[in-house]
C-alpha atoms as a PDB file:
ATOM      1  CA  MET A   1      12.878  -9.578  13.862  1.00  0.00           C
ATOM      2  CA  ARG A   2      13.326  -7.866  10.988  1.00  0.00           C
ATOM      3  CA  ARG A   3      10.367  -7.414   8.712  1.00  0.00           C
ATOM      4  CA  SER A   4      10.634  -8.695   5.254  1.00  0.00           C
ATOM      5  CA  ARG A   5      10.726  -5.724   2.251  1.00  0.00           C
ATOM      6  CA  THR A   6      10.717  -8.363  -0.875  1.00  0.00           C
ATOM      7  CA  PRO A   7       7.982  -8.025  -3.384  1.00  0.00           C
ATOM      8  CA  ALA A   8       7.472 -11.959  -3.861  1.00  0.00           C
ATOM      9  CA  PRO A   9       4.154 -12.088  -1.982  1.00  0.00           C
ATOM     10  CA  LEU A  10       2.768  -9.283  -3.326  1.00  0.00           C
ATOM     11  CA  LEU A  11       3.851  -9.550  -6.816  1.00  0.00           C
ATOM     12  CA  ARG A  12       1.920 -13.555  -6.218  1.00  0.00           C
ATOM     13  CA  CYS A  13      -1.067 -11.929  -5.171  1.00  0.00           C
ATOM     14  CA  ILE A  14      -1.122  -9.640  -8.159  1.00  0.00           C
ATOM     15  CA  SER A  15      -0.940 -12.349 -10.184  1.00  0.00           C
ATOM     16  CA  GLU A  16      -3.291 -14.902  -8.929  1.00  0.00           C
ATOM     17  CA  MET A  17      -5.797 -12.037  -9.294  1.00  0.00           C
ATOM     18  CA  GLY A  18      -4.814 -11.974 -13.108  1.00  0.00           C
ATOM     19  CA  ALA A  19      -3.419  -8.652 -12.989  1.00  0.00           C
ATOM     20  CA  GLU A  20       0.165  -7.060 -13.574  1.00  0.00           C
ATOM     21  CA  PRO A  21       1.976  -5.018 -11.204  1.00  0.00           C
ATOM     22  CA  ALA A  22       1.476  -1.777 -13.481  1.00  0.00           C
ATOM     23  CA  GLN A  23      -2.499  -2.391 -12.901  1.00  0.00           C
ATOM     24  CA  ALA A  24      -1.940  -2.856  -9.238  1.00  0.00           C
ATOM     25  CA  LEU A  25      -2.245  -0.074  -6.366  1.00  0.00           C
ATOM     26  CA  TYR A  26      -1.128  -1.222  -2.911  1.00  0.00           C
ATOM     27  CA  VAL A  27      -2.402   0.565  -0.073  1.00  0.00           C
ATOM     28  CA  GLY A  28      -0.436   0.394   3.073  1.00  0.00           C
ATOM     29  CA  ASP A  29       0.149   2.015   6.496  1.00  0.00           C
ATOM     30  CA  SER A  30       4.041   1.510   7.079  1.00  0.00           C
ATOM     31  CA  SER A  31       7.416   1.961   5.778  1.00  0.00           C
ATOM     32  CA  ILE A  32       7.615  -1.756   5.206  1.00  0.00           C
ATOM     33  CA  ASP A  33       4.568  -1.632   3.070  1.00  0.00           C
ATOM     34  CA  TYR A  34       6.406   1.450   1.026  1.00  0.00           C
ATOM     35  CA  LEU A  35       9.389  -0.710   0.460  1.00  0.00           C
ATOM     36  CA  THR A  36       7.531  -3.681  -0.819  1.00  0.00           C
ATOM     37  CA  ALA A  37       5.786  -1.797  -3.360  1.00  0.00           C
ATOM     38  CA  GLN A  38       8.805   0.040  -4.521  1.00  0.00           C
ATOM     39  CA  ASN A  39      10.398  -3.229  -4.401  1.00  0.00           C
ATOM     40  CA  ALA A  40       7.856  -4.844  -6.616  1.00  0.00           C
ATOM     41  CA  ALA A  41       7.205  -1.597  -8.948  1.00  0.00           C
ATOM     42  CA  VAL A  42       3.733  -1.589  -7.986  1.00  0.00           C
ATOM     43  CA  GLN A  43       1.930   1.926  -7.249  1.00  0.00           C
ATOM     44  CA  PHE A  44       1.452   2.828  -3.674  1.00  0.00           C
ATOM     45  CA  ARG A  45      -0.509   4.963  -1.304  1.00  0.00           C
ATOM     46  CA  LEU A  46      -0.341   5.455   2.793  1.00  0.00           C
ATOM     47  CA  PHE A  47      -2.805   5.478   4.663  1.00  0.00           C
ATOM     48  CA  SER A  48      -1.367   7.878   7.480  1.00  0.00           C
ATOM     49  CA  ASN A  49      -3.728   7.173  10.398  1.00  0.00           C
ATOM     50  CA  GLY A  50      -2.510   3.570  10.289  1.00  0.00           C
ATOM     51  CA  TYR A  51       0.764   2.041  12.038  1.00  0.00           C
ATOM     52  CA  LEU A  52       3.490   4.528  10.216  1.00  0.00           C
ATOM     53  CA  ASN A  53       6.671   3.543  11.773  1.00  0.00           C
ATOM     54  CA  ALA A  54       9.193   5.492   9.867  1.00  0.00           C
ATOM     55  CA  PRO A  55       8.826   8.941   7.745  1.00  0.00           C
ATOM     56  CA  LEU A  56       8.496   8.365   4.053  1.00  0.00           C
ATOM     57  CA  PRO A  57       9.784  11.992   2.993  1.00  0.00           C
ATOM     58  CA  ASP A  58      10.155  11.225  -0.844  1.00  0.00           C
ATOM     59  CA  LEU A  59       5.972  10.168  -0.682  1.00  0.00           C
ATOM     60  CA  ALA A  60       4.512  13.101  -2.131  1.00  0.00           C
ATOM     61  CA  GLU A  61       1.373  14.495  -0.444  1.00  0.00           C
ATOM     62  CA  ALA A  62      -0.981  13.373  -2.891  1.00  0.00           C
ATOM     63  CA  ASP A  63      -0.059   9.813  -2.200  1.00  0.00           C
ATOM     64  CA  ARG A  64      -0.946   9.908   1.248  1.00  0.00           C
ATOM     65  CA  PHE A  65      -4.483   9.801   2.749  1.00  0.00           C
ATOM     66  CA  ALA A  66      -6.003   9.752   6.415  1.00  0.00           C
ATOM     67  CA  ASP A  67      -9.849   9.109   5.579  1.00  0.00           C
ATOM     68  CA  TRP A  68     -11.009   6.017   3.746  1.00  0.00           C
ATOM     69  CA  THR A  69     -14.298   7.469   3.473  1.00  0.00           C
ATOM     70  CA  ALA A  70     -12.942  10.500   1.356  1.00  0.00           C
ATOM     71  CA  HIS A  71     -12.419   7.757  -1.343  1.00  0.00           C
ATOM     72  CA  GLY A  72     -15.881   6.202  -1.185  1.00  0.00           C
ATOM     73  CA  ILE A  73     -14.900   3.422   1.108  1.00  0.00           C
ATOM     74  CA  GLN A  74     -17.106   2.926   4.013  1.00  0.00           C
ATOM     75  CA  ILE A  75     -15.378   0.645   6.687  1.00  0.00           C
ATOM     76  CA  GLY A  76     -18.021  -2.222   8.204  1.00  0.00           C
ATOM     77  CA  VAL A  77     -20.650  -1.739   5.979  1.00  0.00           C
ATOM     78  CA  THR A  78     -22.179  -4.589   4.724  1.00  0.00           C
ATOM     79  CA  ILE A  79     -24.467  -4.422   1.802  1.00  0.00           C
END
């Protein structure tokens, strides 16, 4: 099965949240996520400790991260 790169679901989600694509940031962990963001004209950041299934040579190093806590995000913490 081929995974979809269509931007429609992402664009709908952004719209449902009352935002525009230019205001959104898509954080993903695969080439499919990256291509979906590109097709939607949405900024993208790669979580490099995820599923990445293909190299993304045209993605700047500044757009990659491996540690959620470096961005103030704590996984599994309930407030």
